[in-house]
Protein backbone atom coordinates (compact mmCIF):
# COMPACT_ATOMS: atom_id res chain seq x y z
CA MET A 1 121.40 -77.09 224.99
CA GLY A 2 118.05 -75.31 224.73
CA PHE A 3 117.37 -76.89 221.29
CA GLN A 4 118.03 -80.39 222.82
CA LEU A 5 115.69 -79.75 225.65
CA PHE A 6 113.08 -78.62 223.12
CA LEU A 7 113.52 -81.88 221.14
CA MET A 8 113.17 -83.87 224.32
CA GLN A 9 109.98 -82.13 225.08
CA GLU A 10 108.52 -82.53 221.65
CA GLY A 11 109.30 -86.24 221.57
CA PRO A 12 110.34 -88.67 218.83
CA ALA A 13 108.50 -86.82 216.05
CA ALA A 14 110.55 -83.72 216.53
CA VAL A 15 113.85 -85.73 216.59
CA GLN A 16 112.91 -87.37 213.30
CA ALA A 17 111.98 -84.08 211.81
CA ALA A 18 115.33 -82.57 212.75
CA ALA A 19 117.15 -85.57 211.32
CA ALA A 20 115.21 -85.36 208.05
CA LYS A 21 116.47 -81.88 207.54
CA LYS A 22 120.03 -83.07 207.49
CA LEU A 23 119.40 -85.40 204.47
CA THR A 24 121.61 -84.56 201.41
CA LEU A 25 120.80 -85.20 197.82
CA LEU A 26 122.91 -88.26 197.95
CA ASP A 27 120.91 -89.53 200.86
CA PHE A 28 117.70 -89.00 198.92
CA ALA A 29 119.20 -90.73 195.79
CA ILE A 30 120.16 -93.76 197.97
CA LYS A 31 116.73 -93.88 199.45
CA GLY A 32 115.32 -93.95 195.95
CA GLY A 33 116.73 -97.52 195.46
CA TRP A 34 118.32 -99.03 192.51
CA VAL A 35 115.92 -97.38 190.03
CA MET A 36 117.85 -94.15 190.68
CA ILE A 37 120.99 -95.64 189.06
CA PRO A 38 119.55 -95.76 185.48
CA ILE A 39 117.82 -92.40 186.15
CA ILE A 40 121.01 -90.77 187.03
CA LEU A 41 123.10 -92.48 184.32
CA LEU A 42 120.65 -91.53 181.57
CA SER A 43 120.49 -87.90 182.91
CA LEU A 44 124.34 -87.71 182.47
CA VAL A 45 124.08 -89.11 178.96
CA ALA A 46 121.29 -86.62 178.07
CA THR A 47 123.45 -83.69 179.55
CA TYR A 48 126.40 -84.73 177.52
CA ILE A 49 124.40 -84.99 174.27
CA PHE A 50 122.80 -81.62 174.86
CA ILE A 51 126.12 -79.76 175.62
CA GLU A 52 127.88 -81.45 172.73
CA ARG A 53 125.19 -80.90 170.18
CA TYR A 54 124.57 -77.32 171.35
CA TYR A 55 128.20 -76.45 170.67
CA VAL A 56 128.14 -78.11 167.31
CA ILE A 57 124.92 -76.54 166.17
CA ARG A 58 125.91 -73.10 167.41
CA LYS A 59 129.12 -73.35 165.40
CA ALA A 60 127.08 -74.35 162.34
CA THR A 61 124.84 -71.27 162.71
CA LYS A 62 127.64 -68.89 162.48
CA GLU A 63 127.81 -67.57 158.86
CA ASP A 64 130.31 -65.30 157.16
CA THR A 65 128.13 -62.56 155.77
CA ASN A 66 130.70 -61.72 153.11
CA PHE A 67 131.13 -65.45 152.07
CA MET A 68 128.68 -65.44 149.13
CA ASN A 69 129.80 -62.09 147.97
CA ARG A 70 133.30 -63.35 147.54
CA ILE A 71 131.95 -66.58 145.84
CA ARG A 72 129.96 -64.38 143.46
CA ASP A 73 133.08 -62.41 142.49
CA TYR A 74 135.20 -65.53 142.01
CA ILE A 75 132.62 -67.22 139.70
CA HIS A 76 131.99 -64.06 137.72
CA ASP A 77 135.74 -63.71 137.20
CA GLY A 78 136.09 -67.32 136.29
CA LYS A 79 138.16 -68.10 139.27
CA LEU A 80 136.61 -71.43 140.13
CA ASP A 81 139.68 -72.84 141.87
CA ALA A 82 139.78 -69.78 144.20
CA ALA A 83 136.06 -70.22 144.94
CA SER A 84 136.54 -73.92 145.74
CA ALA A 85 139.56 -73.08 147.95
CA LEU A 86 137.49 -70.56 149.85
CA CYS A 87 134.79 -73.15 150.48
CA LYS A 88 137.37 -75.72 151.74
CA SER A 89 138.89 -73.12 154.18
CA THR A 90 135.43 -72.21 155.47
CA ASP A 91 134.24 -74.76 158.09
CA SER A 92 130.39 -74.44 157.64
CA PRO A 93 127.58 -76.48 156.14
CA SER A 94 126.78 -73.68 153.71
CA ALA A 95 130.36 -73.68 152.48
CA ARG A 96 130.34 -77.46 151.91
CA MET A 97 127.10 -77.03 149.94
CA VAL A 98 128.56 -74.32 147.75
CA GLU A 99 131.69 -76.33 147.21
CA LYS A 100 129.66 -79.28 145.92
CA GLY A 101 127.78 -76.89 143.64
CA ILE A 102 131.00 -75.50 142.26
CA SER A 103 132.34 -78.91 141.53
CA ARG A 104 129.22 -79.64 139.45
CA LEU A 105 129.44 -76.46 137.32
CA GLY A 106 128.99 -77.21 133.56
CA ARG A 107 126.12 -79.65 134.23
CA PRO A 108 122.45 -78.89 134.02
CA LEU A 109 121.16 -76.61 136.84
CA GLN A 110 118.86 -79.40 138.02
CA ASP A 111 121.79 -81.71 138.57
CA ILE A 112 123.60 -78.87 140.51
CA THR A 113 120.63 -78.21 142.64
CA THR A 114 120.10 -81.98 143.41
CA ALA A 115 123.75 -82.38 144.32
CA ILE A 116 123.61 -79.34 146.69
CA GLU A 117 120.40 -80.42 148.33
CA ASN A 118 121.97 -83.92 149.04
CA VAL A 119 124.86 -82.31 150.76
CA GLY A 120 122.43 -80.11 152.69
CA LYS A 121 120.56 -83.21 153.90
CA LEU A 122 123.75 -84.88 154.89
CA GLU A 123 124.83 -81.77 156.90
CA ILE A 124 121.41 -81.70 158.77
CA SER A 125 121.65 -85.35 159.52
CA LYS A 126 125.15 -84.77 161.09
CA LEU A 127 123.74 -82.00 163.21
CA GLU A 128 120.85 -84.13 164.38
CA ARG A 129 123.13 -86.99 165.50
CA GLY A 130 122.15 -87.99 168.99
CA PHE A 131 118.66 -86.56 168.74
CA PRO A 132 116.87 -89.94 168.82
CA THR A 133 118.90 -90.94 171.93
CA LEU A 134 117.97 -87.63 173.62
CA ALA A 135 114.34 -87.99 172.71
CA THR A 136 114.36 -91.66 173.98
CA ILE A 137 115.86 -90.56 177.27
CA THR A 138 113.35 -87.78 177.70
CA GLY A 139 110.46 -90.23 177.23
CA ALA A 140 111.97 -93.03 179.31
CA GLU A 141 112.89 -91.02 182.38
CA PRO A 142 109.32 -90.46 183.61
CA MET A 143 108.52 -94.09 182.97
CA LEU A 144 111.45 -95.18 185.00
CA GLY A 145 110.17 -92.86 187.74
CA PHE A 146 106.73 -94.45 187.46
CA LEU A 147 108.53 -97.95 187.81
CA GLY A 148 110.09 -96.76 190.98
CA THR A 149 106.69 -95.65 192.18
CA VAL A 150 105.31 -99.13 191.59
CA ILE A 151 108.24 -100.85 193.26
CA GLY A 152 108.06 -98.50 196.27
CA MET A 153 104.30 -99.20 196.76
CA VAL A 154 104.84 -102.91 196.37
CA ARG A 155 107.53 -102.75 199.11
CA SER A 156 105.23 -100.76 201.37
CA PHE A 157 102.28 -103.20 200.99
CA TYR A 158 104.60 -106.09 201.55
CA ALA A 159 105.92 -104.51 204.72
CA MET A 160 102.29 -103.95 205.80
CA ALA A 161 101.34 -107.54 205.08
CA SER A 162 104.37 -108.88 206.87
CA ALA A 163 103.89 -106.79 209.94
CA GLY A 164 100.34 -107.96 210.58
CA ASN A 165 98.74 -105.90 213.30
CA ASN A 166 102.09 -104.31 214.29
CA ILE A 167 102.21 -101.72 211.53
CA GLU A 168 104.52 -98.78 212.08
CA VAL A 169 105.29 -95.84 209.83
CA SER A 170 108.99 -96.77 209.89
CA LEU A 171 108.16 -99.99 208.06
CA LEU A 172 106.57 -98.14 205.24
CA SER A 173 109.05 -95.36 205.02
CA ASP A 174 111.56 -97.13 202.67
CA GLY A 175 108.86 -98.01 200.05
CA ILE A 176 107.38 -94.50 200.18
CA TYR A 177 110.73 -92.97 199.77
CA THR A 178 111.41 -95.11 196.72
CA ALA A 179 108.07 -94.19 195.22
CA LEU A 180 108.28 -90.45 195.70
CA ILE A 181 111.92 -89.85 195.11
CA THR A 182 112.08 -91.90 191.81
CA THR A 183 108.94 -90.09 190.58
CA VAL A 184 110.29 -86.72 191.17
CA ALA A 185 113.72 -87.56 189.70
CA GLY A 186 112.23 -89.08 186.56
CA LEU A 187 109.88 -86.05 186.04
CA ILE A 188 112.66 -83.57 186.55
CA VAL A 189 114.99 -85.20 184.11
CA GLY A 190 112.12 -85.78 181.65
CA ILE A 191 110.99 -82.15 181.72
CA LEU A 192 114.52 -80.77 181.44
CA GLY A 193 115.20 -83.17 178.61
CA TYR A 194 112.08 -82.13 176.76
CA PHE A 195 113.15 -78.51 176.85
CA ALA A 196 116.70 -79.37 175.91
CA TYR A 197 115.51 -81.45 172.86
CA ASN A 198 113.27 -78.79 171.62
CA THR A 199 115.93 -76.13 172.08
CA LEU A 200 118.25 -78.10 169.79
CA VAL A 201 115.42 -78.69 167.19
CA VAL A 202 114.83 -74.91 166.99
CA ARG A 203 118.46 -74.17 166.39
CA VAL A 204 118.66 -76.90 163.77
CA GLU A 205 115.68 -75.32 161.97
CA LYS A 206 117.70 -72.04 161.89
CA VAL A 207 120.50 -73.91 160.23
CA VAL A 208 118.14 -75.38 157.71
CA PHE A 209 116.82 -71.88 156.89
CA ASN A 210 120.33 -70.67 156.41
CA LEU A 211 121.13 -73.51 153.97
CA GLU A 212 117.97 -72.91 152.00
CA ALA A 213 118.92 -69.25 151.68
CA THR A 214 122.44 -70.24 150.68
CA LEU A 215 121.13 -72.60 147.97
CA THR A 216 118.82 -69.90 146.54
CA GLU A 217 121.56 -67.28 146.53
CA PHE A 218 124.08 -69.63 144.88
CA MET A 219 121.57 -70.54 142.15
CA ASP A 220 120.96 -66.83 141.53
CA VAL A 221 124.77 -66.34 141.22
CA LEU A 222 124.84 -68.99 138.44
CA ASN A 223 121.99 -67.28 136.62
CA GLU A 224 123.46 -63.82 136.91
CA PRO A 225 125.98 -64.15 134.00
CA LEU A 226 123.02 -65.16 131.75
CA LYS A 227 121.08 -62.05 132.86
CA THR A 228 123.97 -59.65 132.48
CA GLY A 229 125.23 -61.07 129.30
CA ARG A 230 128.55 -62.18 130.60
């Protein structure tokens, strides 16, 4: 009761301020206009891509530290079938690279290296699937927000022109809401998308480093029999 008397004393401005505090995120999204629809949809797509790629890349970064030691023992013992079976049972980019190298044994080392590198490029390409879409969304979201800003300002100026001398703040509020809310939403999604994209890029670079290390170690294994006289 006391709060209602306070609002009556303060006037319409206080009533509007109290009502504004009750606005939910959904209310703000609605006030942002139709531009919020593509902003929200693209943000959901970006979230899905990030979560799905993050899981796939994290799985690819897990390496069995004893894998190459077992491959070395199999090759030195002439058990190429066992080495190939180990690669097939190990679900990792490195294992698929080594499997390709084992299948090329007996050919010149340059041919083996080229075959392994080609597999490595294919594996990296698989991991980067969805990256262009995520990068596009990250760049497009702020522009959609700016589009909403322009639309909101046009609506506000149109309302001012239509009102003539009877201009009220309520006539401009819809356009201002559209302008500010879409700008904020576009920037938030764009910034988060930028961090998400770079997080994935860094993790892929770690996988690339692991593949390069595996290639070097595998080629060393092929040269070891020549060095030891086996």
